């Protein structure tokens, strides 16, 4: 479940999940990270999303994170649920898998930020303990509205996992600016761009970036500079004609690379 109903007061009340980082809405970036979920529930106002989701609203609307978790968990019967905020620009599918693996014998697995703080909205939980704590809080406080999230998770047996960037969230315009700058850093920009293009085109394919870059380099140096983008385009087209998939792409890349090598030898 993704919590997407906050007021974003420090951002002037804008629709924070719709803010773009790396050309994609923050909510869509989180949706991509948990694309393997059996069901995805977004708690908050309806808005356009990159893939279909189930919508829910907390009672009362704006009632806070505990009420939002309650609304989300009512929409699923799964034994394990991810609980994520909608403003995590650096959350990845690999981190999600790490959270799920990290559960093991615990009732929840939460990320720890670089300062050592638990991030209960970047976490995986077993559903029944979560429902138990929700029921106890509702009885104790006469409702869930306005309750802080720490009350919900403080009695759970948690595994704590560290990650340097995945728990980075965007609460201020400074955070948004930092996120937009970070994905354009030299070591990140290519992977971020490829992920954005795949999401935009609806492609779920592991791309051997190094092989394609080598092919582009060989075509540019051995033939002519404009040959690089045209060659990689034709390789992608050929792979699609063969049914797509990593094997078809690798085969087409290998053939084109061999051709570029033969071409260069004649000079």
C-alpha atoms as a PDB file:
ATOM      1  CA  UNK A   1       0.000   0.000   0.000  1.00  0.00           C
ATOM      2  CA  UNK A   2       1.197   3.493  -0.860  1.00  0.00           C
ATOM      3  CA  UNK A   3       0.181   6.418   1.318  1.00  0.00           C
ATOM      4  CA  UNK A   4      -0.486   9.401  -0.940  1.00  0.00           C
ATOM      5  CA  UNK A   5      -2.879  11.598   1.013  1.00  0.00           C
ATOM      6  CA  UNK A   6      -0.741  14.031   2.982  1.00  0.00           C
ATOM      7  CA  UNK A   7      -1.323  17.785   2.974  1.00  0.00           C
ATOM      8  CA  UNK A   8       2.244  18.640   1.836  1.00  0.00           C
ATOM      9  CA  UNK A   9       2.214  21.807   3.924  1.00  0.00           C
ATOM     10  CA  UNK A  10       5.966  22.372   3.600  1.00  0.00           C
ATOM     11  CA  UNK A  11       5.492  22.282  -0.169  1.00  0.00           C
ATOM     12  CA  UNK A  12       2.725  24.858  -0.107  1.00  0.00           C
ATOM     13  CA  UNK A  13      -0.044  22.297  -0.409  1.00  0.00           C
ATOM     14  CA  UNK A  14       0.861  21.094  -3.920  1.00  0.00           C
ATOM     15  CA  UNK A  15      -0.051  17.574  -5.050  1.00  0.00           C
ATOM     16  CA  UNK A  16       3.256  16.086  -3.899  1.00  0.00           C
ATOM     17  CA  UNK A  17       2.820  12.570  -5.371  1.00  0.00           C
ATOM     18  CA  UNK A  18       2.377  14.194  -8.799  1.00  0.00           C
ATOM     19  CA  UNK A  19       5.634  16.198  -8.608  1.00  0.00           C
ATOM     20  CA  UNK A  20       8.149  14.934 -11.146  1.00  0.00           C
ATOM     21  CA  UNK A  21      11.684  13.773 -10.472  1.00  0.00           C
ATOM     22  CA  UNK A  22      13.587  12.522 -13.492  1.00  0.00           C
ATOM     23  CA  UNK A  23      10.563  13.124 -15.702  1.00  0.00           C
ATOM     24  CA  UNK A  24       8.298  10.799 -13.695  1.00  0.00           C
ATOM     25  CA  UNK A  25       5.774  11.542 -10.978  1.00  0.00           C
ATOM     26  CA  UNK A  26       6.970  10.538  -7.513  1.00  0.00           C
ATOM     27  CA  UNK A  27       3.989   8.203  -7.142  1.00  0.00           C
ATOM     28  CA  UNK A  28       4.783   6.486 -10.449  1.00  0.00           C
ATOM     29  CA  UNK A  29       8.383   5.957  -9.349  1.00  0.00           C
ATOM     30  CA  UNK A  30       7.170   4.153  -6.212  1.00  0.00           C
ATOM     31  CA  UNK A  31       4.636   2.164  -8.237  1.00  0.00           C
ATOM     32  CA  UNK A  32       7.434   0.987 -10.514  1.00  0.00           C
ATOM     33  CA  UNK A  33       9.502  -0.173  -7.530  1.00  0.00           C
ATOM     34  CA  UNK A  34       6.668  -2.422  -6.286  1.00  0.00           C
ATOM     35  CA  UNK A  35       5.473  -3.607  -9.704  1.00  0.00           C
ATOM     36  CA  UNK A  36       5.615  -7.257  -8.603  1.00  0.00           C
ATOM     37  CA  UNK A  37       2.867  -6.823  -5.982  1.00  0.00           C
ATOM     38  CA  UNK A  38      -0.229  -8.987  -6.308  1.00  0.00           C
ATOM     39  CA  UNK A  39      -2.390  -5.937  -5.562  1.00  0.00           C
ATOM     40  CA  UNK A  40      -1.430  -2.298  -5.191  1.00  0.00           C
ATOM     41  CA  UNK A  41      -3.557  -0.013  -3.013  1.00  0.00           C
ATOM     42  CA  UNK A  42      -3.014   3.740  -3.042  1.00  0.00           C
ATOM     43  CA  UNK A  43      -4.543   5.574  -0.088  1.00  0.00           C
ATOM     44  CA  UNK A  44      -5.349   9.125  -1.096  1.00  0.00           C
ATOM     45  CA  UNK A  45      -7.222  11.195  -3.681  1.00  0.00           C
ATOM     46  CA  UNK A  46      -7.531   9.651  -7.132  1.00  0.00           C
ATOM     47  CA  UNK A  47      -5.035  10.890  -9.689  1.00  0.00           C
ATOM     48  CA  UNK A  48      -3.566   9.588 -12.964  1.00  0.00           C
ATOM     49  CA  UNK A  49      -1.070   6.747 -12.501  1.00  0.00           C
ATOM     50  CA  UNK A  50       1.262   4.862 -14.813  1.00  0.00           C
ATOM     51  CA  UNK A  51      -0.460   1.555 -14.056  1.00  0.00           C
ATOM     52  CA  UNK A  52      -3.827   0.514 -12.584  1.00  0.00           C
ATOM     53  CA  UNK A  53      -4.192   0.569  -8.795  1.00  0.00           C
ATOM     54  CA  UNK A  54      -6.952   0.140  -6.236  1.00  0.00           C
ATOM     55  CA  UNK A  55      -7.890   3.384  -4.474  1.00  0.00           C
ATOM     56  CA  UNK A  56      -8.843   3.848  -0.831  1.00  0.00           C
ATOM     57  CA  UNK A  57      -9.384   6.790   1.540  1.00  0.00           C
ATOM     58  CA  UNK A  58      -8.718   7.017   5.246  1.00  0.00           C
ATOM     59  CA  UNK A  59     -11.478   7.905   7.701  1.00  0.00           C
ATOM     60  CA  UNK A  60     -11.687  10.780   8.148  1.00  0.00           C
ATOM     61  CA  UNK A  61      -9.899  12.084   5.017  1.00  0.00           C
ATOM     62  CA  UNK A  62      -6.656  13.620   6.211  1.00  0.00           C
ATOM     63  CA  UNK A  63      -6.834  11.509   9.364  1.00  0.00           C
ATOM     64  CA  UNK A  64      -3.140  10.684   9.353  1.00  0.00           C
ATOM     65  CA  UNK A  65      -0.915   7.709   8.594  1.00  0.00           C
ATOM     66  CA  UNK A  66      -2.414   5.172  11.015  1.00  0.00           C
ATOM     67  CA  UNK A  67      -5.893   5.748   9.601  1.00  0.00           C
ATOM     68  CA  UNK A  68      -4.406   5.501   6.111  1.00  0.00           C
ATOM     69  CA  UNK A  69      -2.718   2.169   6.862  1.00  0.00           C
ATOM     70  CA  UNK A  70      -6.030   0.888   8.227  1.00  0.00           C
ATOM     71  CA  UNK A  71      -7.831   1.942   5.039  1.00  0.00           C
ATOM     72  CA  UNK A  72      -5.195   0.279   2.878  1.00  0.00           C
ATOM     73  CA  UNK A  73      -4.980  -3.007   4.716  1.00  0.00           C
ATOM     74  CA  UNK A  74      -8.751  -3.431   4.488  1.00  0.00           C
ATOM     75  CA  UNK A  75      -8.302  -3.747   0.718  1.00  0.00           C
ATOM     76  CA  UNK A  76      -6.091  -6.829   0.836  1.00  0.00           C
ATOM     77  CA  UNK A  77      -5.995 -10.354   2.246  1.00  0.00           C
ATOM     78  CA  UNK A  78      -2.283 -10.853   1.540  1.00  0.00           C
ATOM     79  CA  UNK A  79      -0.210 -12.198   4.452  1.00  0.00           C
ATOM     80  CA  UNK A  80       2.569  -9.655   3.800  1.00  0.00           C
ATOM     81  CA  UNK A  81       2.148  -6.013   2.818  1.00  0.00           C
ATOM     82  CA  UNK A  82       4.559  -3.300   1.799  1.00  0.00           C
ATOM     83  CA  UNK A  83       3.799   0.064   3.354  1.00  0.00           C
ATOM     84  CA  UNK A  84       5.364   2.914   1.412  1.00  0.00           C
ATOM     85  CA  UNK A  85       5.049   6.664   1.231  1.00  0.00           C
ATOM     86  CA  UNK A  86       4.456   8.190  -2.205  1.00  0.00           C
ATOM     87  CA  UNK A  87       7.519  10.458  -2.168  1.00  0.00           C
ATOM     88  CA  UNK A  88      10.489   8.067  -2.404  1.00  0.00           C
ATOM     89  CA  UNK A  89      12.411   8.969  -5.579  1.00  0.00           C
ATOM     90  CA  UNK A  90      15.233   6.472  -5.000  1.00  0.00           C
ATOM     91  CA  UNK A  91      13.219   3.414  -4.007  1.00  0.00           C
ATOM     92  CA  UNK A  92      13.991   0.500  -6.341  1.00  0.00           C
ATOM     93  CA  UNK A  93      12.578  -2.931  -7.035  1.00  0.00           C
ATOM     94  CA  UNK A  94      15.752  -4.425  -5.557  1.00  0.00           C
ATOM     95  CA  UNK A  95      15.202  -2.570  -2.273  1.00  0.00           C
ATOM     96  CA  UNK A  96      11.619  -3.799  -2.130  1.00  0.00           C
ATOM     97  CA  UNK A  97      12.849  -7.370  -2.563  1.00  0.00           C
ATOM     98  CA  UNK A  98      15.386  -6.805   0.213  1.00  0.00           C
ATOM     99  CA  UNK A  99      12.606  -5.688   2.564  1.00  0.00           C
ATOM    100  CA  UNK A 100      10.526  -8.756   1.782  1.00  0.00           C
ATOM    101  CA  UNK A 101      13.500 -11.061   2.262  1.00  0.00           C
ATOM    102  CA  UNK A 102      14.421  -9.261   5.473  1.00  0.00           C
ATOM    103  CA  UNK A 103      11.136 -10.198   7.153  1.00  0.00           C
ATOM    104  CA  UNK A 104      12.175 -13.786   7.893  1.00  0.00           C
ATOM    105  CA  UNK A 105      10.923 -14.408  11.456  1.00  0.00           C
ATOM    106  CA  UNK A 106      10.085 -10.787  12.237  1.00  0.00           C
ATOM    107  CA  UNK A 107       6.717  -9.025  12.165  1.00  0.00           C
ATOM    108  CA  UNK A 108       8.117  -6.245  10.019  1.00  0.00           C
ATOM    109  CA  UNK A 109      11.243  -5.107   8.194  1.00  0.00           C
ATOM    110  CA  UNK A 110      11.923  -1.351   8.086  1.00  0.00           C
ATOM    111  CA  UNK A 111      14.643   0.692   6.453  1.00  0.00           C
ATOM    112  CA  UNK A 112      17.023   2.714   8.593  1.00  0.00           C
ATOM    113  CA  UNK A 113      18.089   6.065   7.139  1.00  0.00           C
ATOM    114  CA  UNK A 114      21.750   7.222   7.172  1.00  0.00           C
ATOM    115  CA  UNK A 115      21.155   8.939  10.538  1.00  0.00           C
ATOM    116  CA  UNK A 116      19.966   5.689  12.126  1.00  0.00           C
ATOM    117  CA  UNK A 117      16.236   6.548  12.236  1.00  0.00           C
ATOM    118  CA  UNK A 118      13.595   3.951  11.459  1.00  0.00           C
ATOM    119  CA  UNK A 119      11.422   4.710   8.426  1.00  0.00           C
ATOM    120  CA  UNK A 120       8.119   2.862   8.999  1.00  0.00           C
ATOM    121  CA  UNK A 121       6.791   4.069   5.623  1.00  0.00           C
ATOM    122  CA  UNK A 122       9.556   2.206   3.818  1.00  0.00           C
ATOM    123  CA  UNK A 123       8.791  -1.204   5.212  1.00  0.00           C
ATOM    124  CA  UNK A 124       7.284  -4.660   4.794  1.00  0.00           C
ATOM    125  CA  UNK A 125       4.946  -6.026   7.466  1.00  0.00           C
ATOM    126  CA  UNK A 126       3.093  -9.213   8.212  1.00  0.00           C
ATOM    127  CA  UNK A 127      -0.541  -8.273   7.881  1.00  0.00           C
ATOM    128  CA  UNK A 128      -1.998  -9.943  10.971  1.00  0.00           C
ATOM    129  CA  UNK A 129       0.266  -8.220  13.540  1.00  0.00           C
ATOM    130  CA  UNK A 130      -0.478  -4.940  11.772  1.00  0.00           C
ATOM    131  CA  UNK A 131      -4.237  -5.562  12.014  1.00  0.00           C
ATOM    132  CA  UNK A 132      -3.830  -6.526  15.676  1.00  0.00           C
ATOM    133  CA  UNK A 133      -2.092  -3.268  16.545  1.00  0.00           C
ATOM    134  CA  UNK A 134      -4.631  -1.223  14.571  1.00  0.00           C
ATOM    135  CA  UNK A 135      -7.492  -2.824  16.504  1.00  0.00           C
ATOM    136  CA  UNK A 136      -5.780  -2.232  19.845  1.00  0.00           C
ATOM    137  CA  UNK A 137      -5.120   1.431  19.039  1.00  0.00           C
ATOM    138  CA  UNK A 138      -8.692   1.991  17.872  1.00  0.00           C
ATOM    139  CA  UNK A 139      -9.981   0.547  21.151  1.00  0.00           C
ATOM    140  CA  UNK A 140      -7.511   2.442  23.315  1.00  0.00           C
ATOM    141  CA  UNK A 141      -7.946   5.839  21.648  1.00  0.00           C
ATOM    142  CA  UNK A 142     -11.517   5.581  20.419  1.00  0.00           C
ATOM    143  CA  UNK A 143     -10.392   5.958  16.807  1.00  0.00           C
ATOM    144  CA  UNK A 144      -7.315   6.211  14.620  1.00  0.00           C
ATOM    145  CA  UNK A 145      -7.471   9.799  13.377  1.00  0.00           C
ATOM    146  CA  UNK A 146      -4.402  11.876  14.147  1.00  0.00           C
ATOM    147  CA  UNK A 147      -2.391   9.063  15.753  1.00  0.00           C
ATOM    148  CA  UNK A 148       1.355   9.035  15.011  1.00  0.00           C
ATOM    149  CA  UNK A 149       2.717   6.080  13.112  1.00  0.00           C
ATOM    150  CA  UNK A 150       5.215   5.220  15.864  1.00  0.00           C
ATOM    151  CA  UNK A 151       2.302   4.054  18.030  1.00  0.00           C
ATOM    152  CA  UNK A 152       1.383   1.510  15.384  1.00  0.00           C
ATOM    153  CA  UNK A 153       4.821  -0.036  14.947  1.00  0.00           C
ATOM    154  CA  UNK A 154       6.360   0.394  18.399  1.00  0.00           C
ATOM    155  CA  UNK A 155       5.056  -2.965  19.668  1.00  0.00           C
ATOM    156  CA  UNK A 156       6.018  -4.958  16.561  1.00  0.00           C
ATOM    157  CA  UNK A 157       9.085  -7.185  16.392  1.00  0.00           C
ATOM    158  CA  UNK A 158      11.023  -5.428  13.648  1.00  0.00           C
ATOM    159  CA  UNK A 159      14.043  -6.272  11.537  1.00  0.00           C
ATOM    160  CA  UNK A 160      16.019  -3.146  10.664  1.00  0.00           C
ATOM    161  CA  UNK A 161      17.806  -2.808   7.337  1.00  0.00           C
ATOM    162  CA  UNK A 162      20.160  -0.064   6.201  1.00  0.00           C
ATOM    163  CA  UNK A 163      20.180   1.590   2.788  1.00  0.00           C
ATOM    164  CA  UNK A 164      21.974   4.839   1.905  1.00  0.00           C
ATOM    165  CA  UNK A 165      19.314   6.423  -0.330  1.00  0.00           C
ATOM    166  CA  UNK A 166      16.067   4.419  -0.587  1.00  0.00           C
ATOM    167  CA  UNK A 167      14.443   6.098   2.434  1.00  0.00           C
ATOM    168  CA  UNK A 168      15.131   9.620   1.134  1.00  0.00           C
ATOM    169  CA  UNK A 169      11.749  11.351   0.954  1.00  0.00           C
ATOM    170  CA  UNK A 170      10.663  14.706  -0.432  1.00  0.00           C
ATOM    171  CA  UNK A 171       9.070  16.896   2.233  1.00  0.00           C
ATOM    172  CA  UNK A 172      10.410  20.275   1.050  1.00  0.00           C
ATOM    173  CA  UNK A 173      11.303  22.017  -2.200  1.00  0.00           C
ATOM    174  CA  UNK A 174      14.939  21.627  -1.173  1.00  0.00           C
ATOM    175  CA  UNK A 175      14.408  17.847  -1.073  1.00  0.00           C
ATOM    176  CA  UNK A 176      12.867  17.938  -4.544  1.00  0.00           C
ATOM    177  CA  UNK A 177      15.802  19.952  -5.861  1.00  0.00           C
ATOM    178  CA  UNK A 178      18.284  17.554  -4.239  1.00  0.00           C
ATOM    179  CA  UNK A 179      16.539  14.526  -5.755  1.00  0.00           C
ATOM    180  CA  UNK A 180      16.439  16.063  -9.224  1.00  0.00           C
ATOM    181  CA  UNK A 181      20.130  16.892  -9.029  1.00  0.00           C
ATOM    182  CA  UNK A 182      21.165  13.508  -7.658  1.00  0.00           C
ATOM    183  CA  UNK A 183      19.640  11.472 -10.479  1.00  0.00           C
ATOM    184  CA  UNK A 184      21.571  13.603 -12.974  1.00  0.00           C
ATOM    185  CA  UNK A 185      24.925  12.864 -11.385  1.00  0.00           C
ATOM    186  CA  UNK A 186      27.363  11.046 -13.652  1.00  0.00           C
ATOM    187  CA  UNK A 187      27.123   7.721 -11.842  1.00  0.00           C
ATOM    188  CA  UNK A 188      23.318   7.686 -11.811  1.00  0.00           C
ATOM    189  CA  UNK A 189      22.013   9.466 -14.874  1.00  0.00           C
ATOM    190  CA  UNK A 190      22.243   6.617 -17.394  1.00  0.00           C
ATOM    191  CA  UNK A 191      20.491   4.044 -15.203  1.00  0.00           C
ATOM    192  CA  UNK A 192      17.845   6.609 -14.246  1.00  0.00           C
ATOM    193  CA  UNK A 193      17.238   7.557 -17.881  1.00  0.00           C
ATOM    194  CA  UNK A 194      16.919   3.938 -19.019  1.00  0.00           C
ATOM    195  CA  UNK A 195      14.507   3.189 -16.168  1.00  0.00           C
ATOM    196  CA  UNK A 196      12.440   6.239 -17.120  1.00  0.00           C
ATOM    197  CA  UNK A 197      12.326   5.282 -20.805  1.00  0.00           C
ATOM    198  CA  UNK A 198      11.337   1.686 -20.023  1.00  0.00           C
ATOM    199  CA  UNK A 199       8.563   2.917 -17.746  1.00  0.00           C
ATOM    200  CA  UNK A 200       7.340   5.427 -20.332  1.00  0.00           C
ATOM    201  CA  UNK A 201       7.298   2.818 -23.120  1.00  0.00           C
ATOM    202  CA  UNK A 202       5.898   0.021 -20.969  1.00  0.00           C
ATOM    203  CA  UNK A 203       8.993  -2.156 -21.452  1.00  0.00           C
ATOM    204  CA  UNK A 204       9.953  -4.676 -18.765  1.00  0.00           C
ATOM    205  CA  UNK A 205      13.332  -5.807 -20.016  1.00  0.00           C
ATOM    206  CA  UNK A 206      16.757  -6.124 -18.441  1.00  0.00           C
ATOM    207  CA  UNK A 207      19.036  -4.088 -20.698  1.00  0.00           C
ATOM    208  CA  UNK A 208      22.737  -4.913 -20.990  1.00  0.00           C
ATOM    209  CA  UNK A 209      23.752  -1.278 -20.974  1.00  0.00           C
ATOM    210  CA  UNK A 210      27.479  -1.982 -21.292  1.00  0.00           C
ATOM    211  CA  UNK A 211      27.020  -4.133 -24.411  1.00  0.00           C
ATOM    212  CA  UNK A 212      24.817  -1.541 -26.108  1.00  0.00           C
ATOM    213  CA  UNK A 213      27.249   1.257 -25.278  1.00  0.00           C
ATOM    214  CA  UNK A 214      30.123  -0.802 -26.641  1.00  0.00           C
ATOM    215  CA  UNK A 215      28.132  -1.387 -29.824  1.00  0.00           C
ATOM    216  CA  UNK A 216      27.339   2.326 -30.145  1.00  0.00           C
ATOM    217  CA  UNK A 217      31.022   3.192 -29.644  1.00  0.00           C
ATOM    218  CA  UNK A 218      32.160   0.671 -32.251  1.00  0.00           C
ATOM    219  CA  UNK A 219      29.586   1.872 -34.775  1.00  0.00           C
ATOM    220  CA  UNK A 220      30.527   5.505 -34.179  1.00  0.00           C
ATOM    221  CA  UNK A 221      34.280   4.948 -34.441  1.00  0.00           C
ATOM    222  CA  UNK A 222      34.340   2.208 -37.076  1.00  0.00           C
ATOM    223  CA  UNK A 223      31.623   3.550 -39.372  1.00  0.00           C
ATOM    224  CA  UNK A 224      30.423   7.109 -38.646  1.00  0.00           C
ATOM    225  CA  UNK A 225      29.120   8.974 -35.604  1.00  0.00           C
ATOM    226  CA  UNK A 226      25.468   8.960 -36.746  1.00  0.00           C
ATOM    227  CA  UNK A 227      25.694   5.171 -37.067  1.00  0.00           C
ATOM    228  CA  UNK A 228      25.630   4.787 -33.258  1.00  0.00           C
ATOM    229  CA  UNK A 229      21.988   5.739 -32.504  1.00  0.00           C
ATOM    230  CA  UNK A 230      20.729   4.231 -35.772  1.00  0.00           C
ATOM    231  CA  UNK A 231      22.490   0.917 -35.060  1.00  0.00           C
ATOM    232  CA  UNK A 232      21.146   0.603 -31.540  1.00  0.00           C
ATOM    233  CA  UNK A 233      17.653   1.430 -32.830  1.00  0.00           C
ATOM    234  CA  UNK A 234      17.905  -1.315 -35.468  1.00  0.00           C
ATOM    235  CA  UNK A 235      19.184  -3.783 -32.868  1.00  0.00           C
ATOM    236  CA  UNK A 236      16.154  -3.088 -30.694  1.00  0.00           C
ATOM    237  CA  UNK A 237      13.827  -3.463 -33.660  1.00  0.00           C
ATOM    238  CA  UNK A 238      15.455  -6.747 -34.676  1.00  0.00           C
ATOM    239  CA  UNK A 239      15.158  -8.086 -31.123  1.00  0.00           C
ATOM    240  CA  UNK A 240      11.466  -7.182 -31.074  1.00  0.00           C
ATOM    241  CA  UNK A 241      10.960  -9.005 -34.392  1.00  0.00           C
ATOM    242  CA  UNK A 242      12.427 -12.122 -32.758  1.00  0.00           C
ATOM    243  CA  UNK A 243       9.982 -11.946 -29.866  1.00  0.00           C
ATOM    244  CA  UNK A 244      11.912  -9.611 -27.589  1.00  0.00           C
ATOM    245  CA  UNK A 245      13.536 -10.577 -24.322  1.00  0.00           C
ATOM    246  CA  UNK A 246      17.142 -10.464 -23.105  1.00  0.00           C
ATOM    247  CA  UNK A 247      18.265 -13.370 -25.316  1.00  0.00           C
ATOM    248  CA  UNK A 248      16.952 -11.807 -28.518  1.00  0.00           C
ATOM    249  CA  UNK A 249      18.512  -8.465 -27.624  1.00  0.00           C
ATOM    250  CA  UNK A 250      21.866 -10.061 -26.800  1.00  0.00           C
ATOM    251  CA  UNK A 251      21.877 -12.006 -30.087  1.00  0.00           C
ATOM    252  CA  UNK A 252      21.083  -8.924 -32.155  1.00  0.00           C
ATOM    253  CA  UNK A 253      23.713  -6.884 -30.295  1.00  0.00           C
ATOM    254  CA  UNK A 254      26.351  -9.554 -30.892  1.00  0.00           C
ATOM    255  CA  UNK A 255      25.614  -9.716 -34.627  1.00  0.00           C
ATOM    256  CA  UNK A 256      25.728  -5.939 -35.031  1.00  0.00           C
ATOM    257  CA  UNK A 257      28.939  -5.684 -33.004  1.00  0.00           C
ATOM    258  CA  UNK A 258      30.585  -8.328 -35.193  1.00  0.00           C
ATOM    259  CA  UNK A 259      29.505  -6.443 -38.307  1.00  0.00           C
ATOM    260  CA  UNK A 260      30.932  -3.187 -36.921  1.00  0.00           C
ATOM    261  CA  UNK A 261      34.231  -4.973 -36.229  1.00  0.00           C
ATOM    262  CA  UNK A 262      34.375  -6.361 -39.783  1.00  0.00           C
ATOM    263  CA  UNK A 263      33.552  -2.913 -41.161  1.00  0.00           C
ATOM    264  CA  UNK A 264      36.345  -1.297 -39.143  1.00  0.00           C
ATOM    265  CA  UNK A 265      38.892  -3.919 -40.268  1.00  0.00           C
ATOM    266  CA  UNK A 266      38.509  -2.811 -43.878  1.00  0.00           C
ATOM    267  CA  UNK A 267      39.678   0.701 -43.178  1.00  0.00           C
END
